[in-house]
Amino acid sequence: MRFEGKTVLVTGGGRGIGRAVALGFARQGADVAVADIRDERGTEAVREIRGLGRRAVYVRTDVSDAGQVDVLVKSALEALDRIDVLVNVAGICPFKDFLEMEERVWDRVQSVNLKGVFLCSQAVARAMVKKGIRGRIISIGSISSMVGGARQAHYTASKAGINMLTASMAIALGPHGITCNAVLPGPIETDINREDLADPEKRAYFIKRTPLGRIGRPEDVVGPVLFFASEEAAWCTGSVLVVDGGIVVNFQ
């Protein structure tokens, strides 16, 4: 129960990696605020967290909208008193060939994946500074920030932006005792890519490329996130941690 007495805000907490992270913190004693854009996912995650004996609140939020982010932070503070840890998980990846990608699709991906991390991090950091909390901000990036993708130009660019945003926040917020780090998963089977991974050839390719021999699960990301939120990582800031089963280093 190493996070007992702590409050965690997880964006995109209603599904996939976000839900696994929210439940991981709850199992370690934390109270959790869940932000998601779909009510049924968010409310179900909150029911699970409360079932573990922890306080929880759900706030419907489009993280690309500054007004909604402000409401999210205020609601979390009203319900749970404080925010010790922010985990930025909310993200989208509508696969599109580069030559066919519409401007609106590009803009939406940047707004959710990158602008959303900026807005949520800024709003939560302000609350932490005001309360004198030496907090933690952890963002879920991707190994796609390190490689290209013919159908993911919008996504790879947004995730690369998270890496540098994390570095800049680490510098800006370090004097306040707030650490900022990013976890970069490899292929993790979630709603975002489940249809893509349903292609047997593509699935077999990723499994063959991965030294650990399987597709990742949302639960594989939980431990690294908990580490960055813990006292054991008090000297880590501006760091990115690859969590990919070894695929990014395997050139076979």
C-alpha atoms as a PDB file:
ATOM      1  CA  MET A   1       0.000   0.000   0.000  1.00  0.00           C
ATOM      2  CA  ARG A   2       2.785   2.412  -0.893  1.00  0.00           C
ATOM      3  CA  PHE A   3       0.382   5.064  -2.235  1.00  0.00           C
ATOM      4  CA  GLU A   4      -1.979   5.143   0.722  1.00  0.00           C
ATOM      5  CA  GLY A   5      -2.957   8.732   1.437  1.00  0.00           C
ATOM      6  CA  LYS A   6      -2.150   9.803  -2.121  1.00  0.00           C
ATOM      7  CA  THR A   7      -4.562  10.950  -4.815  1.00  0.00           C
ATOM      8  CA  VAL A   8      -3.978  10.192  -8.484  1.00  0.00           C
ATOM      9  CA  LEU A   9      -5.631  11.703 -11.557  1.00  0.00           C
ATOM     10  CA  VAL A  10      -5.612   9.493 -14.655  1.00  0.00           C
ATOM     11  CA  THR A  11      -6.757  10.826 -18.016  1.00  0.00           C
ATOM     12  CA  GLY A  12      -8.103   8.253 -20.417  1.00  0.00           C
ATOM     13  CA  GLY A  13      -8.729   6.209 -17.295  1.00  0.00           C
ATOM     14  CA  GLY A  14     -11.784   4.406 -18.579  1.00  0.00           C
ATOM     15  CA  ARG A  15     -10.088   1.915 -20.858  1.00  0.00           C
ATOM     16  CA  GLY A  16      -6.860   0.209 -21.857  1.00  0.00           C
ATOM     17  CA  ILE A  17      -3.651   1.460 -20.291  1.00  0.00           C
ATOM     18  CA  GLY A  18      -5.433   4.219 -18.394  1.00  0.00           C
ATOM     19  CA  ARG A  19      -7.823   1.844 -16.688  1.00  0.00           C
ATOM     20  CA  ALA A  20      -5.057  -0.588 -15.802  1.00  0.00           C
ATOM     21  CA  VAL A  21      -3.026   2.281 -14.313  1.00  0.00           C
ATOM     22  CA  ALA A  22      -5.989   3.618 -12.333  1.00  0.00           C
ATOM     23  CA  LEU A  23      -6.667   0.185 -10.854  1.00  0.00           C
ATOM     24  CA  GLY A  24      -2.957  -0.372 -10.210  1.00  0.00           C
ATOM     25  CA  PHE A  25      -2.796   2.757  -8.069  1.00  0.00           C
ATOM     26  CA  ALA A  26      -6.016   1.830  -6.254  1.00  0.00           C
ATOM     27  CA  ARG A  27      -4.616  -1.579  -5.375  1.00  0.00           C
ATOM     28  CA  GLN A  28      -1.622   0.219  -3.866  1.00  0.00           C
ATOM     29  CA  GLY A  29      -3.841   2.395  -1.643  1.00  0.00           C
ATOM     30  CA  ALA A  30      -4.414   5.537  -3.731  1.00  0.00           C
ATOM     31  CA  ASP A  31      -7.678   7.383  -4.266  1.00  0.00           C
ATOM     32  CA  VAL A  32      -8.251   7.992  -7.969  1.00  0.00           C
ATOM     33  CA  ALA A  33      -9.902  10.601 -10.172  1.00  0.00           C
ATOM     34  CA  VAL A  34     -10.746   9.184 -13.596  1.00  0.00           C
ATOM     35  CA  ALA A  35     -11.082  11.390 -16.664  1.00  0.00           C
ATOM     36  CA  ASP A  36     -12.512   9.966 -19.856  1.00  0.00           C
ATOM     37  CA  ILE A  37     -14.582  11.163 -22.778  1.00  0.00           C
ATOM     38  CA  ARG A  38     -17.106   8.307 -22.580  1.00  0.00           C
ATOM     39  CA  ASP A  39     -19.338   8.033 -19.536  1.00  0.00           C
ATOM     40  CA  GLU A  40     -19.871   4.285 -19.575  1.00  0.00           C
ATOM     41  CA  ARG A  41     -16.127   3.604 -19.471  1.00  0.00           C
ATOM     42  CA  GLY A  42     -15.402   6.158 -16.767  1.00  0.00           C
ATOM     43  CA  THR A  43     -18.235   5.152 -14.470  1.00  0.00           C
ATOM     44  CA  GLU A  44     -17.340   1.466 -14.742  1.00  0.00           C
ATOM     45  CA  ALA A  45     -13.699   2.221 -13.855  1.00  0.00           C
ATOM     46  CA  VAL A  46     -14.858   4.175 -10.801  1.00  0.00           C
ATOM     47  CA  ARG A  47     -17.054   1.251  -9.695  1.00  0.00           C
ATOM     48  CA  GLU A  48     -14.037  -1.041  -9.866  1.00  0.00           C
ATOM     49  CA  ILE A  49     -11.869   1.378  -7.888  1.00  0.00           C
ATOM     50  CA  ARG A  50     -14.502   1.794  -5.199  1.00  0.00           C
ATOM     51  CA  GLY A  51     -14.802  -1.986  -5.096  1.00  0.00           C
ATOM     52  CA  LEU A  52     -11.175  -1.999  -3.962  1.00  0.00           C
ATOM     53  CA  GLY A  53     -12.122   0.212  -1.012  1.00  0.00           C
ATOM     54  CA  ARG A  54     -10.743   3.464  -2.408  1.00  0.00           C
ATOM     55  CA  ARG A  55     -12.392   6.816  -3.016  1.00  0.00           C
ATOM     56  CA  ALA A  56     -12.942   7.610  -6.684  1.00  0.00           C
ATOM     57  CA  VAL A  57     -14.592  10.187  -8.894  1.00  0.00           C
ATOM     58  CA  TYR A  58     -15.270  10.263 -12.629  1.00  0.00           C
ATOM     59  CA  VAL A  59     -15.264  13.502 -14.642  1.00  0.00           C
ATOM     60  CA  ARG A  60     -16.209  13.470 -18.316  1.00  0.00           C
ATOM     61  CA  THR A  61     -13.413  15.369 -20.054  1.00  0.00           C
ATOM     62  CA  ASP A  62     -12.148  16.179 -23.518  1.00  0.00           C
ATOM     63  CA  VAL A  63      -8.509  16.861 -22.624  1.00  0.00           C
ATOM     64  CA  SER A  64      -8.061  19.059 -25.700  1.00  0.00           C
ATOM     65  CA  ASP A  65     -10.482  21.635 -24.255  1.00  0.00           C
ATOM     66  CA  ALA A  66      -8.937  23.989 -21.671  1.00  0.00           C
ATOM     67  CA  GLY A  67     -12.295  24.756 -20.067  1.00  0.00           C
ATOM     68  CA  GLN A  68     -13.084  21.079 -19.545  1.00  0.00           C
ATOM     69  CA  VAL A  69      -9.606  20.464 -18.133  1.00  0.00           C
ATOM     70  CA  ASP A  70     -10.135  23.262 -15.603  1.00  0.00           C
ATOM     71  CA  VAL A  71     -13.435  21.666 -14.553  1.00  0.00           C
ATOM     72  CA  LEU A  72     -11.683  18.294 -14.276  1.00  0.00           C
ATOM     73  CA  VAL A  73      -9.019  19.580 -11.907  1.00  0.00           C
ATOM     74  CA  LYS A  74     -11.508  21.546  -9.798  1.00  0.00           C
ATOM     75  CA  SER A  75     -13.829  18.545  -9.561  1.00  0.00           C
ATOM     76  CA  ALA A  76     -11.000  16.213  -8.576  1.00  0.00           C
ATOM     77  CA  LEU A  77      -9.863  18.625  -5.863  1.00  0.00           C
ATOM     78  CA  GLU A  78     -13.391  19.089  -4.538  1.00  0.00           C
ATOM     79  CA  ALA A  79     -13.998  15.349  -4.357  1.00  0.00           C
ATOM     80  CA  LEU A  80     -10.567  14.115  -3.235  1.00  0.00           C
ATOM     81  CA  ASP A  81      -8.919  17.212  -1.667  1.00  0.00           C
ATOM     82  CA  ARG A  82      -5.595  17.030  -3.506  1.00  0.00           C
ATOM     83  CA  ILE A  83      -3.736  15.662  -6.536  1.00  0.00           C
ATOM     84  CA  ASP A  84      -0.351  14.065  -5.853  1.00  0.00           C
ATOM     85  CA  VAL A  85       0.123  12.308  -9.187  1.00  0.00           C
ATOM     86  CA  LEU A  86      -1.080  13.023 -12.711  1.00  0.00           C
ATOM     87  CA  VAL A  87      -0.887  10.295 -15.334  1.00  0.00           C
ATOM     88  CA  ASN A  88      -1.548  11.530 -18.876  1.00  0.00           C
ATOM     89  CA  VAL A  89      -2.874   8.563 -20.811  1.00  0.00           C
ATOM     90  CA  ALA A  90      -5.656   9.943 -23.033  1.00  0.00           C
ATOM     91  CA  GLY A  91      -4.741   9.513 -26.682  1.00  0.00           C
ATOM     92  CA  ILE A  92      -6.055   8.563 -30.110  1.00  0.00           C
ATOM     93  CA  CYS A  93      -4.610   7.079 -33.284  1.00  0.00           C
ATOM     94  CA  PRO A  94      -6.986   6.896 -36.259  1.00  0.00           C
ATOM     95  CA  PHE A  95      -4.767   5.097 -38.765  1.00  0.00           C
ATOM     96  CA  LYS A  96      -4.534   7.038 -42.026  1.00  0.00           C
ATOM     97  CA  ASP A  97      -2.226   6.801 -45.035  1.00  0.00           C
ATOM     98  CA  PHE A  98      -0.041   9.919 -45.199  1.00  0.00           C
ATOM     99  CA  LEU A  99      -1.233  10.977 -48.664  1.00  0.00           C
ATOM    100  CA  GLU A 100      -4.879  10.664 -47.624  1.00  0.00           C
ATOM    101  CA  MET A 101      -4.670  12.283 -44.181  1.00  0.00           C
ATOM    102  CA  GLU A 102      -7.060  15.222 -43.793  1.00  0.00           C
ATOM    103  CA  GLU A 103      -6.027  18.344 -41.911  1.00  0.00           C
ATOM    104  CA  ARG A 104      -8.870  17.855 -39.425  1.00  0.00           C
ATOM    105  CA  VAL A 105      -7.548  14.386 -38.523  1.00  0.00           C
ATOM    106  CA  TRP A 106      -4.021  15.736 -38.063  1.00  0.00           C
ATOM    107  CA  ASP A 107      -5.304  18.589 -35.874  1.00  0.00           C
ATOM    108  CA  ARG A 108      -7.481  16.337 -33.719  1.00  0.00           C
ATOM    109  CA  VAL A 109      -4.620  13.937 -32.972  1.00  0.00           C
ATOM    110  CA  GLN A 110      -2.294  16.798 -32.007  1.00  0.00           C
ATOM    111  CA  SER A 111      -5.014  18.371 -29.858  1.00  0.00           C
ATOM    112  CA  VAL A 112      -5.758  15.224 -27.868  1.00  0.00           C
ATOM    113  CA  ASN A 113      -2.334  13.592 -27.699  1.00  0.00           C
ATOM    114  CA  LEU A 114      -0.043  16.596 -27.241  1.00  0.00           C
ATOM    115  CA  LYS A 115      -2.120  19.647 -26.371  1.00  0.00           C
ATOM    116  CA  GLY A 116      -4.057  17.498 -23.901  1.00  0.00           C
ATOM    117  CA  VAL A 117      -0.856  16.598 -22.054  1.00  0.00           C
ATOM    118  CA  PHE A 118       0.118  20.278 -21.948  1.00  0.00           C
ATOM    119  CA  LEU A 119      -3.270  21.468 -20.662  1.00  0.00           C
ATOM    120  CA  CYS A 120      -3.660  18.763 -18.022  1.00  0.00           C
ATOM    121  CA  SER A 121      -0.065  19.022 -16.833  1.00  0.00           C
ATOM    122  CA  GLN A 122      -0.219  22.801 -16.554  1.00  0.00           C
ATOM    123  CA  ALA A 123      -3.527  22.804 -14.669  1.00  0.00           C
ATOM    124  CA  VAL A 124      -2.465  20.071 -12.250  1.00  0.00           C
ATOM    125  CA  ALA A 125       0.995  21.572 -11.735  1.00  0.00           C
ATOM    126  CA  ARG A 126      -0.600  24.885 -10.796  1.00  0.00           C
ATOM    127  CA  ALA A 127      -2.734  23.088  -8.206  1.00  0.00           C
ATOM    128  CA  MET A 128       0.305  21.227  -6.863  1.00  0.00           C
ATOM    129  CA  VAL A 129       2.337  24.420  -6.540  1.00  0.00           C
ATOM    130  CA  LYS A 130      -0.539  26.218  -4.813  1.00  0.00           C
ATOM    131  CA  LYS A 131      -0.842  23.428  -2.224  1.00  0.00           C
ATOM    132  CA  GLY A 132       2.910  22.925  -1.880  1.00  0.00           C
ATOM    133  CA  ILE A 133       2.718  19.345  -3.165  1.00  0.00           C
ATOM    134  CA  ARG A 134       5.947  17.842  -4.472  1.00  0.00           C
ATOM    135  CA  GLY A 135       4.070  15.877  -7.072  1.00  0.00           C
ATOM    136  CA  ARG A 136       4.602  13.558  -9.982  1.00  0.00           C
ATOM    137  CA  ILE A 137       3.545  13.984 -13.618  1.00  0.00           C
ATOM    138  CA  ILE A 138       3.847  10.893 -15.792  1.00  0.00           C
ATOM    139  CA  SER A 139       2.882  10.869 -19.466  1.00  0.00           C
ATOM    140  CA  ILE A 140       2.287   7.846 -21.644  1.00  0.00           C
ATOM    141  CA  GLY A 141       4.261   8.326 -24.843  1.00  0.00           C
ATOM    142  CA  SER A 142       5.160   5.597 -27.305  1.00  0.00           C
ATOM    143  CA  ILE A 143       8.102   4.012 -29.067  1.00  0.00           C
ATOM    144  CA  SER A 144       6.396   5.565 -32.093  1.00  0.00           C
ATOM    145  CA  SER A 145       8.103   8.768 -30.957  1.00  0.00           C
ATOM    146  CA  MET A 146      11.389   7.109 -31.986  1.00  0.00           C
ATOM    147  CA  VAL A 147      10.385   5.559 -35.317  1.00  0.00           C
ATOM    148  CA  GLY A 148       8.140   6.469 -38.239  1.00  0.00           C
ATOM    149  CA  GLY A 149       4.887   4.998 -39.465  1.00  0.00           C
ATOM    150  CA  ALA A 150       3.337   5.353 -42.906  1.00  0.00           C
ATOM    151  CA  ARG A 151      -0.177   5.440 -41.426  1.00  0.00           C
ATOM    152  CA  GLN A 152       0.779   7.172 -38.168  1.00  0.00           C
ATOM    153  CA  ALA A 153       2.455  10.443 -39.149  1.00  0.00           C
ATOM    154  CA  HIS A 154       0.060  12.386 -36.922  1.00  0.00           C
ATOM    155  CA  TYR A 155       0.536   9.989 -34.003  1.00  0.00           C
ATOM    156  CA  THR A 156       4.325   9.692 -34.176  1.00  0.00           C
ATOM    157  CA  ALA A 157       4.676  13.475 -34.312  1.00  0.00           C
ATOM    158  CA  SER A 158       2.403  13.935 -31.301  1.00  0.00           C
ATOM    159  CA  LYS A 159       4.257  11.326 -29.257  1.00  0.00           C
ATOM    160  CA  ALA A 160       7.651  12.831 -30.139  1.00  0.00           C
ATOM    161  CA  GLY A 161       6.267  16.107 -28.880  1.00  0.00           C
ATOM    162  CA  ILE A 162       5.425  14.499 -25.541  1.00  0.00           C
ATOM    163  CA  ASN A 163       9.093  13.543 -25.079  1.00  0.00           C
ATOM    164  CA  MET A 164      10.276  17.133 -25.433  1.00  0.00           C
ATOM    165  CA  LEU A 165       7.332  18.554 -23.501  1.00  0.00           C
ATOM    166  CA  THR A 166       8.274  16.210 -20.651  1.00  0.00           C
ATOM    167  CA  ALA A 167      11.859  17.453 -20.753  1.00  0.00           C
ATOM    168  CA  SER A 168      10.759  21.087 -20.705  1.00  0.00           C
ATOM    169  CA  MET A 169       8.284  20.517 -17.866  1.00  0.00           C
ATOM    170  CA  ALA A 170      10.987  18.757 -15.866  1.00  0.00           C
ATOM    171  CA  ILE A 171      13.131  21.882 -16.092  1.00  0.00           C
ATOM    172  CA  ALA A 172      10.264  24.282 -15.346  1.00  0.00           C
ATOM    173  CA  LEU A 173       8.728  22.329 -12.471  1.00  0.00           C
ATOM    174  CA  GLY A 174      11.859  20.897 -10.839  1.00  0.00           C
ATOM    175  CA  PRO A 175      12.289  23.948  -8.584  1.00  0.00           C
ATOM    176  CA  HIS A 176       8.813  23.204  -7.204  1.00  0.00           C
ATOM    177  CA  GLY A 177       9.753  19.611  -6.401  1.00  0.00           C
ATOM    178  CA  ILE A 178       7.549  18.209  -9.176  1.00  0.00           C
ATOM    179  CA  THR A 179       9.054  15.457 -11.320  1.00  0.00           C
ATOM    180  CA  CYS A 180       8.003  14.848 -14.926  1.00  0.00           C
ATOM    181  CA  ASN A 181       8.710  11.600 -16.744  1.00  0.00           C
ATOM    182  CA  ALA A 182       7.340   9.569 -19.652  1.00  0.00           C
ATOM    183  CA  VAL A 183       6.736   5.881 -20.267  1.00  0.00           C
ATOM    184  CA  LEU A 184       7.080   4.741 -23.882  1.00  0.00           C
ATOM    185  CA  PRO A 185       5.181   1.496 -24.521  1.00  0.00           C
ATOM    186  CA  GLY A 186       5.654  -0.682 -27.558  1.00  0.00           C
ATOM    187  CA  PRO A 187       2.749  -2.558 -29.163  1.00  0.00           C
ATOM    188  CA  ILE A 188       0.083  -2.873 -26.462  1.00  0.00           C
ATOM    189  CA  GLU A 189      -3.247  -4.412 -27.424  1.00  0.00           C
ATOM    190  CA  THR A 190      -5.954  -1.847 -26.650  1.00  0.00           C
ATOM    191  CA  ASP A 191      -9.074  -0.458 -28.320  1.00  0.00           C
ATOM    192  CA  ILE A 192      -6.853   1.894 -30.336  1.00  0.00           C
ATOM    193  CA  ASN A 193      -5.042  -0.846 -32.260  1.00  0.00           C
ATOM    194  CA  ARG A 194      -7.119  -3.998 -31.677  1.00  0.00           C
ATOM    195  CA  GLU A 195      -8.566  -3.908 -35.193  1.00  0.00           C
ATOM    196  CA  ASP A 196      -5.109  -3.366 -36.689  1.00  0.00           C
ATOM    197  CA  LEU A 197      -3.666  -6.266 -34.680  1.00  0.00           C
ATOM    198  CA  ALA A 198      -6.527  -8.493 -35.818  1.00  0.00           C
ATOM    199  CA  ASP A 199      -4.637  -8.893 -39.104  1.00  0.00           C
ATOM    200  CA  PRO A 200      -2.911 -12.280 -38.575  1.00  0.00           C
ATOM    201  CA  GLU A 201       0.136 -11.339 -40.645  1.00  0.00           C
ATOM    202  CA  LYS A 202       0.658  -8.047 -38.832  1.00  0.00           C
ATOM    203  CA  ARG A 203       0.186  -9.687 -35.439  1.00  0.00           C
ATOM    204  CA  ALA A 204       2.672 -12.424 -36.295  1.00  0.00           C
ATOM    205  CA  TYR A 205       5.162  -9.800 -37.486  1.00  0.00           C
ATOM    206  CA  PHE A 206       5.054  -7.891 -34.189  1.00  0.00           C
ATOM    207  CA  ILE A 207       5.371 -11.080 -32.155  1.00  0.00           C
ATOM    208  CA  LYS A 208       8.358 -12.202 -34.241  1.00  0.00           C
ATOM    209  CA  ARG A 209      10.027  -8.789 -33.868  1.00  0.00           C
ATOM    210  CA  THR A 210       9.562  -8.763 -30.084  1.00  0.00           C
ATOM    211  CA  PRO A 211      12.308 -10.659 -28.217  1.00  0.00           C
ATOM    212  CA  LEU A 212       9.869 -11.499 -25.413  1.00  0.00           C
ATOM    213  CA  GLY A 213       7.632 -13.134 -27.988  1.00  0.00           C
ATOM    214  CA  ARG A 214       4.212 -11.576 -27.436  1.00  0.00           C
ATOM    215  CA  ILE A 215       2.051  -8.487 -27.821  1.00  0.00           C
ATOM    216  CA  GLY A 216       2.027  -6.246 -24.759  1.00  0.00           C
ATOM    217  CA  ARG A 217      -0.889  -5.919 -22.347  1.00  0.00           C
ATOM    218  CA  PRO A 218      -2.066  -2.747 -20.555  1.00  0.00           C
ATOM    219  CA  GLU A 219      -0.924  -4.270 -17.269  1.00  0.00           C
ATOM    220  CA  ASP A 220       2.662  -4.319 -18.579  1.00  0.00           C
ATOM    221  CA  VAL A 221       2.724  -0.520 -18.352  1.00  0.00           C
ATOM    222  CA  VAL A 222       1.466  -0.265 -14.769  1.00  0.00           C
ATOM    223  CA  GLY A 223       4.716  -1.122 -12.955  1.00  0.00           C
ATOM    224  CA  PRO A 224       6.829   1.498 -14.759  1.00  0.00           C
ATOM    225  CA  VAL A 225       4.198   4.169 -14.064  1.00  0.00           C
ATOM    226  CA  LEU A 226       4.030   3.245 -10.377  1.00  0.00           C
ATOM    227  CA  PHE A 227       7.822   3.415 -10.241  1.00  0.00           C
ATOM    228  CA  PHE A 228       7.923   6.983 -11.543  1.00  0.00           C
ATOM    229  CA  ALA A 229       5.211   7.923  -9.030  1.00  0.00           C
ATOM    230  CA  SER A 230       7.083   6.367  -6.106  1.00  0.00           C
ATOM    231  CA  GLU A 231       9.730   7.654  -3.734  1.00  0.00           C
ATOM    232  CA  GLU A 232      12.180   5.263  -5.382  1.00  0.00           C
ATOM    233  CA  ALA A 233      12.070   7.545  -8.438  1.00  0.00           C
ATOM    234  CA  ALA A 234      12.516  10.793  -6.512  1.00  0.00           C
ATOM    235  CA  TRP A 235      15.768  11.516  -8.418  1.00  0.00           C
ATOM    236  CA  CYS A 236      14.250  10.818 -11.847  1.00  0.00           C
ATOM    237  CA  THR A 237      12.910  13.706 -13.900  1.00  0.00           C
ATOM    238  CA  GLY A 238      12.920  14.412 -17.611  1.00  0.00           C
ATOM    239  CA  SER A 239      13.359  10.685 -18.190  1.00  0.00           C
ATOM    240  CA  VAL A 240      11.751   8.444 -20.793  1.00  0.00           C
ATOM    241  CA  LEU A 241      11.445   4.716 -20.123  1.00  0.00           C
ATOM    242  CA  VAL A 242      10.905   2.307 -23.026  1.00  0.00           C
ATOM    243  CA  VAL A 243       8.541  -0.559 -22.166  1.00  0.00           C
ATOM    244  CA  ASP A 244       8.245  -2.629 -25.323  1.00  0.00           C
ATOM    245  CA  GLY A 245       9.402  -6.201 -24.831  1.00  0.00           C
ATOM    246  CA  GLY A 246      12.588  -5.288 -26.717  1.00  0.00           C
ATOM    247  CA  ILE A 247      11.054  -4.598 -30.127  1.00  0.00           C
ATOM    248  CA  VAL A 248      12.705  -1.218 -30.674  1.00  0.00           C
ATOM    249  CA  VAL A 249      16.229  -2.641 -30.356  1.00  0.00           C
ATOM    250  CA  ASN A 250      15.562  -5.675 -32.541  1.00  0.00           C
ATOM    251  CA  PHE A 251      16.444  -5.020 -36.177  1.00  0.00           C
ATOM    252  CA  GLN A 252      15.728  -8.540 -37.414  1.00  0.00           C
END
